[in-house]
Amino acid sequence: MNEILKLPGYDVVIGDCPENVKRFISRYSNKKIIVLTDTNTHKHCLNRLIPILPADYLEISIPAGEV
């Protein structure tokens, strides 16, 4: 199940990957894609998304909140 949070200037999609990410990216093919990760997500999950992300995606990584 997907949830789309419509915020001023951007949407946040919460749901299953990678099919939802592919669908999401196709809706914004002419826009810049930004991926927000924490350090754990960067280390363990981002490599699964890279093949479906456009080459010019931007990653913003923040410190993890748990140890």
N, C-alpha and C. Protein backbone atom coordinates (compact mmCIF):
# COMPACT_ATOMS: atom_id res chain seq x y z
N MET A 1 0.84 -1.18 0.00
CA MET A 1 0.00 0.00 0.00
C MET A 1 0.88 1.24 0.00
N ASN A 2 0.56 2.17 -0.86
CA ASN A 2 1.31 3.42 -0.95
C ASN A 2 0.60 4.53 -0.23
N GLU A 3 1.39 5.42 0.28
CA GLU A 3 0.84 6.66 0.82
C GLU A 3 1.64 7.79 0.19
N ILE A 4 0.94 8.78 -0.34
CA ILE A 4 1.60 9.93 -0.94
C ILE A 4 1.28 11.14 -0.08
N LEU A 5 2.33 11.74 0.45
CA LEU A 5 2.19 12.98 1.22
C LEU A 5 2.44 14.13 0.27
N LYS A 6 1.41 14.88 -0.05
CA LYS A 6 1.54 16.03 -0.95
C LYS A 6 1.92 17.24 -0.12
N LEU A 7 3.14 17.69 -0.30
CA LEU A 7 3.65 18.85 0.43
C LEU A 7 3.91 19.98 -0.55
N PRO A 8 3.98 21.20 -0.06
CA PRO A 8 4.24 22.33 -0.97
C PRO A 8 5.57 22.14 -1.72
N GLY A 9 5.50 22.00 -3.00
CA GLY A 9 6.70 21.90 -3.82
C GLY A 9 7.22 20.50 -4.06
N TYR A 10 6.73 19.49 -3.34
CA TYR A 10 7.21 18.13 -3.56
C TYR A 10 6.24 17.12 -2.95
N ASP A 11 6.38 15.86 -3.37
CA ASP A 11 5.60 14.75 -2.84
C ASP A 11 6.54 13.78 -2.14
N VAL A 12 6.07 13.14 -1.10
CA VAL A 12 6.80 12.09 -0.42
C VAL A 12 5.98 10.81 -0.58
N VAL A 13 6.60 9.77 -1.15
CA VAL A 13 5.93 8.50 -1.35
C VAL A 13 6.44 7.50 -0.33
N ILE A 14 5.52 6.87 0.39
CA ILE A 14 5.86 5.85 1.38
C ILE A 14 5.23 4.56 0.90
N GLY A 15 6.03 3.51 0.72
CA GLY A 15 5.48 2.24 0.24
C GLY A 15 6.57 1.24 -0.06
N ASP A 16 6.18 0.12 -0.70
CA ASP A 16 7.10 -0.94 -1.03
C ASP A 16 8.02 -0.55 -2.17
N CYS A 17 9.25 -0.99 -2.11
CA CYS A 17 10.23 -0.78 -3.16
C CYS A 17 10.42 -2.12 -3.88
N PRO A 18 10.97 -2.21 -5.04
CA PRO A 18 11.38 -1.15 -5.95
C PRO A 18 10.30 -0.74 -6.96
N GLU A 19 9.24 -1.53 -7.09
CA GLU A 19 8.21 -1.20 -8.09
C GLU A 19 7.60 0.17 -7.84
N ASN A 20 7.35 0.51 -6.60
CA ASN A 20 6.79 1.82 -6.30
C ASN A 20 7.77 2.93 -6.64
N VAL A 21 9.04 2.67 -6.44
CA VAL A 21 10.05 3.68 -6.79
C VAL A 21 10.08 3.88 -8.30
N LYS A 22 10.03 2.79 -9.05
CA LYS A 22 9.99 2.91 -10.53
C LYS A 22 8.79 3.73 -10.97
N ARG A 23 7.62 3.43 -10.40
CA ARG A 23 6.40 4.15 -10.76
C ARG A 23 6.52 5.62 -10.38
N PHE A 24 7.05 5.87 -9.20
CA PHE A 24 7.23 7.24 -8.73
C PHE A 24 8.17 8.01 -9.65
N ILE A 25 9.30 7.42 -9.96
CA ILE A 25 10.29 8.10 -10.80
C ILE A 25 9.72 8.39 -12.18
N SER A 26 8.92 7.47 -12.73
CA SER A 26 8.36 7.69 -14.06
C SER A 26 7.42 8.90 -14.08
N ARG A 27 6.78 9.20 -12.95
CA ARG A 27 5.91 10.37 -12.87
C ARG A 27 6.70 11.68 -12.86
N TYR A 28 7.97 11.60 -12.50
CA TYR A 28 8.79 12.81 -12.35
C TYR A 28 10.04 12.73 -13.23
N SER A 29 9.90 12.17 -14.39
CA SER A 29 11.06 11.93 -15.24
C SER A 29 11.77 13.21 -15.67
N ASN A 30 11.09 14.33 -15.65
CA ASN A 30 11.75 15.58 -16.05
C ASN A 30 12.13 16.42 -14.84
N LYS A 31 12.13 15.83 -13.66
CA LYS A 31 12.46 16.55 -12.43
C LYS A 31 13.68 15.93 -11.78
N LYS A 32 14.29 16.65 -10.86
CA LYS A 32 15.42 16.14 -10.10
C LYS A 32 14.91 15.21 -9.00
N ILE A 33 15.51 14.03 -8.86
CA ILE A 33 15.14 13.06 -7.83
C ILE A 33 16.14 13.18 -6.68
N ILE A 34 15.62 13.37 -5.48
CA ILE A 34 16.44 13.45 -4.27
C ILE A 34 16.09 12.26 -3.39
N VAL A 35 17.11 11.55 -2.93
CA VAL A 35 16.93 10.40 -2.05
C VAL A 35 17.49 10.77 -0.68
N LEU A 36 16.63 10.74 0.33
CA LEU A 36 17.04 11.04 1.70
C LEU A 36 17.31 9.73 2.41
N THR A 37 18.52 9.58 2.93
CA THR A 37 18.89 8.36 3.65
C THR A 37 19.55 8.74 4.97
N ASP A 38 19.54 7.77 5.90
CA ASP A 38 20.44 7.91 7.04
C ASP A 38 21.65 7.02 6.73
N THR A 39 22.64 7.03 7.59
CA THR A 39 23.86 6.29 7.26
C THR A 39 23.61 4.79 7.15
N ASN A 40 22.68 4.23 7.94
CA ASN A 40 22.37 2.80 7.84
C ASN A 40 21.66 2.48 6.53
N THR A 41 20.71 3.32 6.13
CA THR A 41 20.01 3.10 4.86
C THR A 41 20.98 3.22 3.70
N HIS A 42 21.87 4.18 3.76
CA HIS A 42 22.89 4.34 2.71
C HIS A 42 23.72 3.06 2.59
N LYS A 43 24.14 2.54 3.72
CA LYS A 43 25.02 1.36 3.73
C LYS A 43 24.30 0.09 3.29
N HIS A 44 23.05 -0.11 3.74
CA HIS A 44 22.39 -1.39 3.54
C HIS A 44 21.33 -1.42 2.45
N CYS A 45 20.81 -0.28 2.03
CA CYS A 45 19.65 -0.29 1.12
C CYS A 45 19.86 0.47 -0.19
N LEU A 46 20.64 1.53 -0.17
CA LEU A 46 20.73 2.38 -1.35
C LEU A 46 21.20 1.63 -2.58
N ASN A 47 22.12 0.66 -2.39
CA ASN A 47 22.62 -0.08 -3.56
C ASN A 47 21.51 -0.84 -4.27
N ARG A 48 20.39 -1.13 -3.60
CA ARG A 48 19.26 -1.79 -4.26
C ARG A 48 18.46 -0.82 -5.11
N LEU A 49 18.52 0.45 -4.78
CA LEU A 49 17.76 1.45 -5.54
C LEU A 49 18.55 2.06 -6.69
N ILE A 50 19.86 2.07 -6.59
CA ILE A 50 20.69 2.74 -7.60
C ILE A 50 20.36 2.28 -9.02
N PRO A 51 20.13 0.98 -9.28
CA PRO A 51 19.82 0.59 -10.66
C PRO A 51 18.54 1.21 -11.24
N ILE A 52 17.61 1.62 -10.39
CA ILE A 52 16.38 2.21 -10.92
C ILE A 52 16.34 3.72 -10.79
N LEU A 53 17.37 4.30 -10.20
CA LEU A 53 17.42 5.75 -10.07
C LEU A 53 18.03 6.37 -11.33
N PRO A 54 17.62 7.58 -11.68
CA PRO A 54 18.27 8.25 -12.81
C PRO A 54 19.73 8.57 -12.45
N ALA A 55 20.56 8.69 -13.44
CA ALA A 55 21.98 8.90 -13.21
C ALA A 55 22.27 10.18 -12.43
N ASP A 56 21.39 11.17 -12.55
CA ASP A 56 21.66 12.46 -11.90
C ASP A 56 20.92 12.63 -10.57
N TYR A 57 20.55 11.52 -9.90
CA TYR A 57 19.86 11.65 -8.62
C TYR A 57 20.79 12.30 -7.59
N LEU A 58 20.20 12.91 -6.59
CA LEU A 58 20.95 13.53 -5.51
C LEU A 58 20.63 12.80 -4.22
N GLU A 59 21.66 12.38 -3.50
CA GLU A 59 21.45 11.74 -2.20
C GLU A 59 21.79 12.74 -1.10
N ILE A 60 20.91 12.82 -0.13
CA ILE A 60 21.17 13.58 1.09
C ILE A 60 21.18 12.55 2.21
N SER A 61 22.30 12.46 2.92
CA SER A 61 22.45 11.45 3.98
C SER A 61 22.61 12.16 5.32
N ILE A 62 21.88 11.67 6.31
CA ILE A 62 21.94 12.22 7.66
C ILE A 62 22.41 11.13 8.60
N PRO A 63 22.92 11.49 9.79
CA PRO A 63 23.35 10.49 10.73
C PRO A 63 22.19 9.58 11.17
N ALA A 64 22.50 8.32 11.43
CA ALA A 64 21.49 7.38 11.89
C ALA A 64 21.07 7.73 13.30
N GLY A 65 19.81 7.44 13.61
CA GLY A 65 19.28 7.77 14.93
C GLY A 65 19.42 6.67 15.95
N GLU A 66 19.85 5.49 15.51
CA GLU A 66 20.03 4.39 16.45
C GLU A 66 21.40 3.78 16.27
N VAL A 67 21.83 3.01 17.21
CA VAL A 67 23.17 2.40 17.17
C VAL A 67 23.06 1.00 16.66
